[in-house]
PDB file of N, CA and C in Angstrom:
ATOM      1  N   MET A   1      18.890 -57.111 -27.379  1.00  0.00           N
ATOM      2  CA  MET A   1      17.796 -56.495 -27.720  1.00  0.00           C
ATOM      3  C   MET A   1      16.549 -56.357 -26.702  1.00  0.00           C
ATOM      4  N   GLU A   2      15.690 -55.265 -26.859  1.00  0.00           N
ATOM      5  CA  GLU A   2      14.894 -55.002 -25.511  1.00  0.00           C
ATOM      6  C   GLU A   2      14.076 -55.837 -25.565  1.00  0.00           C
ATOM      7  N   ARG A   3      12.924 -56.544 -24.729  1.00  0.00           N
ATOM      8  CA  ARG A   3      11.963 -57.515 -24.415  1.00  0.00           C
ATOM      9  C   ARG A   3      10.806 -56.541 -24.283  1.00  0.00           C
ATOM     10  N   ARG A   4       9.391 -56.963 -25.338  1.00  0.00           N
ATOM     11  CA  ARG A   4       8.419 -55.738 -24.845  1.00  0.00           C
ATOM     12  C   ARG A   4       7.322 -57.064 -24.452  1.00  0.00           C
ATOM     13  N   THR A   5       6.958 -56.756 -23.426  1.00  0.00           N
ATOM     14  CA  THR A   5       5.579 -57.521 -22.868  1.00  0.00           C
ATOM     15  C   THR A   5       4.763 -57.668 -24.099  1.00  0.00           C
ATOM     16  N   ALA A   6       3.524 -58.474 -23.968  1.00  0.00           N
ATOM     17  CA  ALA A   6       2.348 -58.427 -24.732  1.00  0.00           C
ATOM     18  C   ALA A   6       1.819 -57.371 -24.596  1.00  0.00           C
ATOM     19  N   THR A   7       1.454 -56.691 -23.268  1.00  0.00           N
ATOM     20  CA  THR A   7       0.444 -55.247 -22.944  1.00  0.00           C
ATOM     21  C   THR A   7       1.365 -53.991 -23.763  1.00  0.00           C
ATOM     22  N   ARG A   8       2.715 -54.007 -23.629  1.00  0.00           N
ATOM     23  CA  ARG A   8       3.246 -53.272 -23.947  1.00  0.00           C
ATOM     24  C   ARG A   8       3.130 -53.321 -25.637  1.00  0.00           C
ATOM     25  N   LYS A   9       3.634 -54.127 -26.423  1.00  0.00           N
ATOM     26  CA  LYS A   9       3.303 -54.305 -27.572  1.00  0.00           C
ATOM     27  C   LYS A   9       1.681 -53.762 -28.052  1.00  0.00           C
ATOM     28  N   LEU A  10       0.879 -54.315 -27.370  1.00  0.00           N
ATOM     29  CA  LEU A  10      -0.364 -53.886 -27.542  1.00  0.00           C
ATOM     30  C   LEU A  10      -0.811 -52.473 -27.547  1.00  0.00           C
ATOM     31  N   LEU A  11      -0.253 -51.865 -26.411  1.00  0.00           N
ATOM     32  CA  LEU A  11      -0.221 -50.264 -26.060  1.00  0.00           C
ATOM     33  C   LEU A  11       0.251 -49.741 -27.266  1.00  0.00           C
ATOM     34  N   ASP A  12       0.870 -49.936 -27.763  1.00  0.00           N
ATOM     35  CA  ASP A  12       2.061 -49.764 -28.784  1.00  0.00           C
ATOM     36  C   ASP A  12       1.383 -49.222 -29.884  1.00  0.00           C
ATOM     37  N   HIS A  13       0.330 -50.429 -30.091  1.00  0.00           N
ATOM     38  CA  HIS A  13      -0.058 -50.726 -31.320  1.00  0.00           C
ATOM     39  C   HIS A  13      -1.605 -50.068 -31.353  1.00  0.00           C
ATOM     40  N   LEU A  14      -2.434 -49.977 -30.331  1.00  0.00           N
ATOM     41  CA  LEU A  14      -3.323 -48.817 -29.927  1.00  0.00           C
ATOM     42  C   LEU A  14      -3.155 -47.281 -30.073  1.00  0.00           C
ATOM     43  N   ILE A  15      -2.049 -46.859 -29.525  1.00  0.00           N
ATOM     44  CA  ILE A  15      -1.882 -45.483 -29.463  1.00  0.00           C
ATOM     45  C   ILE A  15      -1.261 -44.840 -30.284  1.00  0.00           C
ATOM     46  N   GLU A  16      -1.597 -44.163 -30.943  1.00  0.00           N
ATOM     47  CA  GLU A  16      -1.053 -43.404 -32.150  1.00  0.00           C
ATOM     48  C   GLU A  16       0.422 -42.764 -31.640  1.00  0.00           C
ATOM     49  N   GLY A  17       1.113 -43.159 -32.313  1.00  0.00           N
ATOM     50  CA  GLY A  17       2.964 -42.884 -32.180  1.00  0.00           C
ATOM     51  C   GLY A  17       3.818 -43.734 -31.351  1.00  0.00           C
ATOM     52  N   GLY A  18       2.873 -44.551 -30.579  1.00  0.00           N
ATOM     53  CA  GLY A  18       3.389 -45.399 -29.247  1.00  0.00           C
ATOM     54  C   GLY A  18       3.218 -44.783 -27.927  1.00  0.00           C
ATOM     55  N   LEU A  19       2.951 -45.884 -27.349  1.00  0.00           N
ATOM     56  CA  LEU A  19       3.077 -45.396 -25.648  1.00  0.00           C
ATOM     57  C   LEU A  19       4.196 -44.908 -25.173  1.00  0.00           C
ATOM     58  N   GLU A  20       5.634 -44.967 -25.901  1.00  0.00           N
ATOM     59  CA  GLU A  20       6.811 -44.020 -25.545  1.00  0.00           C
ATOM     60  C   GLU A  20       6.229 -42.406 -25.379  1.00  0.00           C
ATOM     61  N   GLN A  21       5.720 -42.005 -26.679  1.00  0.00           N
ATOM     62  CA  GLN A  21       5.847 -40.556 -27.020  1.00  0.00           C
ATOM     63  C   GLN A  21       4.508 -40.282 -26.065  1.00  0.00           C
ATOM     64  N   PHE A  22       3.272 -41.279 -25.898  1.00  0.00           N
ATOM     65  CA  PHE A  22       2.035 -40.656 -25.231  1.00  0.00           C
ATOM     66  C   PHE A  22       2.837 -40.605 -23.869  1.00  0.00           C
ATOM     67  N   ALA A  23       3.422 -41.240 -23.660  1.00  0.00           N
ATOM     68  CA  ALA A  23       3.827 -41.305 -22.036  1.00  0.00           C
ATOM     69  C   ALA A  23       4.739 -39.854 -21.615  1.00  0.00           C
ATOM     70  N   ARG A  24       5.196 -39.829 -22.786  1.00  0.00           N
ATOM     71  CA  ARG A  24       6.545 -39.026 -22.666  1.00  0.00           C
ATOM     72  C   ARG A  24       5.654 -37.569 -22.960  1.00  0.00           C
ATOM     73  N   GLU A  25       4.351 -37.448 -23.276  1.00  0.00           N
ATOM     74  CA  GLU A  25       3.653 -36.009 -23.535  1.00  0.00           C
ATOM     75  C   GLU A  25       3.241 -36.019 -22.276  1.00  0.00           C
ATOM     76  N   GLN A  26       2.791 -36.850 -21.622  1.00  0.00           N
ATOM     77  CA  GLN A  26       1.822 -36.912 -20.208  1.00  0.00           C
ATOM     78  C   GLN A  26       2.574 -36.289 -19.171  1.00  0.00           C
ATOM     79  N   ARG A  27       3.775 -36.850 -19.226  1.00  0.00           N
ATOM     80  CA  ARG A  27       4.925 -37.070 -17.877  1.00  0.00           C
ATOM     81  C   ARG A  27       5.544 -35.051 -18.257  1.00  0.00           C
ATOM     82  N   THR A  28       5.513 -34.690 -19.610  1.00  0.00           N
ATOM     83  CA  THR A  28       5.884 -33.159 -19.741  1.00  0.00           C
ATOM     84  C   THR A  28       5.036 -32.637 -19.495  1.00  0.00           C
ATOM     85  N   ALA A  29       3.960 -32.506 -19.718  1.00  0.00           N
ATOM     86  CA  ALA A  29       2.655 -31.896 -18.867  1.00  0.00           C
ATOM     87  C   ALA A  29       2.129 -32.003 -17.259  1.00  0.00           C
ATOM     88  N   GLY A  30       3.164 -33.044 -16.731  1.00  0.00           N
ATOM     89  CA  GLY A  30       3.022 -32.916 -15.168  1.00  0.00           C
ATOM     90  C   GLY A  30       2.449 -34.066 -14.764  1.00  0.00           C
ATOM     91  N   LYS A  31       1.646 -35.195 -15.508  1.00  0.00           N
ATOM     92  CA  LYS A  31       0.937 -36.084 -15.288  1.00  0.00           C
ATOM     93  C   LYS A  31       1.484 -37.373 -14.569  1.00  0.00           C
ATOM     94  N   SER A  32       1.362 -37.778 -13.614  1.00  0.00           N
ATOM     95  CA  SER A  32       1.808 -38.787 -12.727  1.00  0.00           C
ATOM     96  C   SER A  32       1.779 -39.631 -13.199  1.00  0.00           C
ATOM     97  N   TRP A  33       2.557 -40.832 -12.828  1.00  0.00           N
ATOM     98  CA  TRP A  33       2.385 -42.045 -13.577  1.00  0.00           C
ATOM     99  C   TRP A  33       0.988 -43.183 -13.232  1.00  0.00           C
ATOM    100  N   ARG A  34       0.151 -42.326 -12.061  1.00  0.00           N
ATOM    101  CA  ARG A  34      -0.969 -42.842 -11.625  1.00  0.00           C
ATOM    102  C   ARG A  34      -1.861 -42.067 -12.702  1.00  0.00           C
ATOM    103  N   GLN A  35      -1.876 -41.049 -12.999  1.00  0.00           N
ATOM    104  CA  GLN A  35      -2.569 -40.190 -13.800  1.00  0.00           C
ATOM    105  C   GLN A  35      -2.721 -40.941 -15.273  1.00  0.00           C
ATOM    106  N   ILE A  36      -1.516 -41.124 -15.915  1.00  0.00           N
ATOM    107  CA  ILE A  36      -1.047 -41.453 -17.106  1.00  0.00           C
ATOM    108  C   ILE A  36      -1.644 -43.220 -17.021  1.00  0.00           C
ATOM    109  N   SER A  37      -1.784 -43.894 -16.037  1.00  0.00           N
ATOM    110  CA  SER A  37      -2.067 -45.690 -15.848  1.00  0.00           C
ATOM    111  C   SER A  37      -4.027 -45.363 -16.164  1.00  0.00           C
ATOM    112  N   MET A  38      -4.411 -44.325 -15.524  1.00  0.00           N
ATOM    113  CA  MET A  38      -6.000 -44.352 -15.719  1.00  0.00           C
ATOM    114  C   MET A  38      -6.236 -43.790 -16.634  1.00  0.00           C
ATOM    115  N   ARG A  39      -5.620 -42.888 -17.435  1.00  0.00           N
ATOM    116  CA  ARG A  39      -5.501 -42.400 -18.643  1.00  0.00           C
ATOM    117  C   ARG A  39      -5.706 -43.220 -19.996  1.00  0.00           C
ATOM    118  N   ILE A  40      -4.452 -44.286 -19.841  1.00  0.00           N
ATOM    119  CA  ILE A  40      -4.886 -45.265 -20.662  1.00  0.00           C
ATOM    120  C   ILE A  40      -6.220 -46.078 -20.422  1.00  0.00           C
ATOM    121  N   ASN A  41      -6.207 -46.602 -19.507  1.00  0.00           N
ATOM    122  CA  ASN A  41      -7.571 -47.338 -18.996  1.00  0.00           C
ATOM    123  C   ASN A  41      -8.803 -46.908 -20.011  1.00  0.00           C
ATOM    124  N   ASP A  42      -8.765 -45.612 -19.453  1.00  0.00           N
ATOM    125  CA  ASP A  42     -10.158 -44.935 -19.684  1.00  0.00           C
ATOM    126  C   ASP A  42     -10.436 -44.721 -21.538  1.00  0.00           C
ATOM    127  N   ARG A  43      -8.845 -44.418 -21.643  1.00  0.00           N
ATOM    128  CA  ARG A  43      -9.034 -44.057 -23.466  1.00  0.00           C
ATOM    129  C   ARG A  43      -9.047 -45.505 -24.234  1.00  0.00           C
ATOM    130  N   PHE A  44      -8.147 -46.432 -23.640  1.00  0.00           N
ATOM    131  CA  PHE A  44      -7.641 -47.713 -24.250  1.00  0.00           C
ATOM    132  C   PHE A  44      -8.195 -48.810 -23.725  1.00  0.00           C
ATOM    133  N   GLY A  45      -8.661 -49.082 -22.734  1.00  0.00           N
ATOM    134  CA  GLY A  45      -9.409 -49.845 -21.840  1.00  0.00           C
ATOM    135  C   GLY A  45      -8.195 -51.187 -21.710  1.00  0.00           C
ATOM    136  N   GLU A  46      -7.243 -50.760 -21.306  1.00  0.00           N
ATOM    137  CA  GLU A  46      -5.920 -51.499 -20.960  1.00  0.00           C
ATOM    138  C   GLU A  46      -5.902 -51.484 -19.726  1.00  0.00           C
ATOM    139  N   ASP A  47      -5.199 -51.836 -18.440  1.00  0.00           N
ATOM    140  CA  ASP A  47      -4.837 -51.880 -17.271  1.00  0.00           C
ATOM    141  C   ASP A  47      -3.346 -52.315 -17.329  1.00  0.00           C
ATOM    142  N   VAL A  48      -2.591 -51.031 -16.477  1.00  0.00           N
ATOM    143  CA  VAL A  48      -1.354 -51.086 -16.830  1.00  0.00           C
ATOM    144  C   VAL A  48      -1.105 -50.515 -15.369  1.00  0.00           C
ATOM    145  N   HIS A  49      -0.414 -51.047 -14.631  1.00  0.00           N
ATOM    146  CA  HIS A  49       0.232 -50.270 -13.229  1.00  0.00           C
ATOM    147  C   HIS A  49       0.985 -49.251 -13.430  1.00  0.00           C
ATOM    148  N   PRO A  50       1.079 -48.266 -12.331  1.00  0.00           N
ATOM    149  CA  PRO A  50       1.856 -46.954 -12.890  1.00  0.00           C
ATOM    150  C   PRO A  50       3.609 -47.311 -12.672  1.00  0.00           C
ATOM    151  N   GLU A  51       3.654 -48.404 -11.983  1.00  0.00           N
ATOM    152  CA  GLU A  51       4.646 -48.643 -11.387  1.00  0.00           C
ATOM    153  C   GLU A  51       5.514 -49.443 -12.736  1.00  0.00           C
ATOM    154  N   THR A  52       4.592 -50.267 -13.147  1.00  0.00           N
ATOM    155  CA  THR A  52       4.998 -50.720 -14.569  1.00  0.00           C
ATOM    156  C   THR A  52       5.650 -49.906 -15.536  1.00  0.00           C
ATOM    157  N   LEU A  53       4.790 -48.893 -15.822  1.00  0.00           N
ATOM    158  CA  LEU A  53       4.911 -47.405 -16.239  1.00  0.00           C
ATOM    159  C   LEU A  53       6.459 -46.964 -16.114  1.00  0.00           C
ATOM    160  N   ARG A  54       6.435 -46.716 -14.746  1.00  0.00           N
ATOM    161  CA  ARG A  54       7.906 -45.936 -14.385  1.00  0.00           C
ATOM    162  C   ARG A  54       9.048 -47.032 -14.449  1.00  0.00           C
ATOM    163  N   LEU A  55       8.823 -48.159 -14.622  1.00  0.00           N
ATOM    164  CA  LEU A  55       9.700 -49.056 -14.754  1.00  0.00           C
ATOM    165  C   LEU A  55      10.079 -49.429 -16.483  1.00  0.00           C
ATOM    166  N   TRP A  56       9.287 -49.217 -17.228  1.00  0.00           N
ATOM    167  CA  TRP A  56       9.316 -49.197 -18.517  1.00  0.00           C
ATOM    168  C   TRP A  56      10.049 -47.818 -18.967  1.00  0.00           C
ATOM    169  N   PHE A  57       9.890 -46.466 -18.236  1.00  0.00           N
ATOM    170  CA  PHE A  57      10.629 -45.498 -18.767  1.00  0.00           C
ATOM    171  C   PHE A  57      11.187 -44.985 -18.043  1.00  0.00           C
ATOM    172  N   PRO A  58      12.502 -45.427 -17.596  1.00  0.00           N
ATOM    173  CA  PRO A  58      13.151 -44.898 -16.285  1.00  0.00           C
ATOM    174  C   PRO A  58      13.806 -43.586 -16.600  1.00  0.00           C
ATOM    175  N   ASP A  59      13.912 -43.299 -17.600  1.00  0.00           N
ATOM    176  CA  ASP A  59      14.670 -42.103 -18.163  1.00  0.00           C
ATOM    177  C   ASP A  59      13.670 -40.756 -17.709  1.00  0.00           C
ATOM    178  N   MET A  60      12.117 -40.542 -18.004  1.00  0.00           N
ATOM    179  CA  MET A  60      11.063 -40.292 -17.524  1.00  0.00           C
ATOM    180  C   MET A  60      10.593 -39.958 -16.266  1.00  0.00           C
ATOM    181  N   ALA A  61      11.299 -41.121 -15.665  1.00  0.00           N
ATOM    182  CA  ALA A  61      11.027 -41.304 -14.166  1.00  0.00           C
ATOM    183  C   ALA A  61      11.842 -40.063 -13.471  1.00  0.00           C
ATOM    184  N   LYS A  62      12.855 -39.497 -13.769  1.00  0.00           N
ATOM    185  CA  LYS A  62      13.697 -38.273 -12.836  1.00  0.00           C
ATOM    186  C   LYS A  62      13.189 -37.228 -13.266  1.00  0.00           C
ATOM    187  N   GLY A  63      13.191 -36.043 -12.628  1.00  0.00           N
ATOM    188  CA  GLY A  63      13.223 -34.576 -12.641  1.00  0.00           C
ATOM    189  C   GLY A  63      11.584 -34.228 -13.064  1.00  0.00           C
ATOM    190  N   VAL A  64      10.560 -35.370 -12.912  1.00  0.00           N
ATOM    191  CA  VAL A  64       9.180 -34.802 -12.920  1.00  0.00           C
ATOM    192  C   VAL A  64       8.544 -35.122 -12.283  1.00  0.00           C
ATOM    193  N   ALA A  65       7.501 -34.488 -11.370  1.00  0.00           N
ATOM    194  CA  ALA A  65       6.769 -34.597 -10.213  1.00  0.00           C
ATOM    195  C   ALA A  65       6.132 -35.959 -10.260  1.00  0.00           C
ATOM    196  N   ALA A  66       6.181 -36.798  -9.543  1.00  0.00           N
ATOM    197  CA  ALA A  66       4.948 -37.853 -10.014  1.00  0.00           C
ATOM    198  C   ALA A  66       3.960 -37.561  -8.598  1.00  0.00           C
TER     199      ALA A  66
END
């Protein structure tokens, strides 16, 4: 069973479609983890470090320019 942090649970709740879908869309559009982190802060008022995002979604970290 995967453990989710309180921050990840909150972001899943705040973001329509959930954080994973949001991150996947952003990565597909060529956004870096830092850009995604800043966008989350701007849109949802939550701080999440770019490295945390990368660790949460290791399958998205490969093959896309960061």
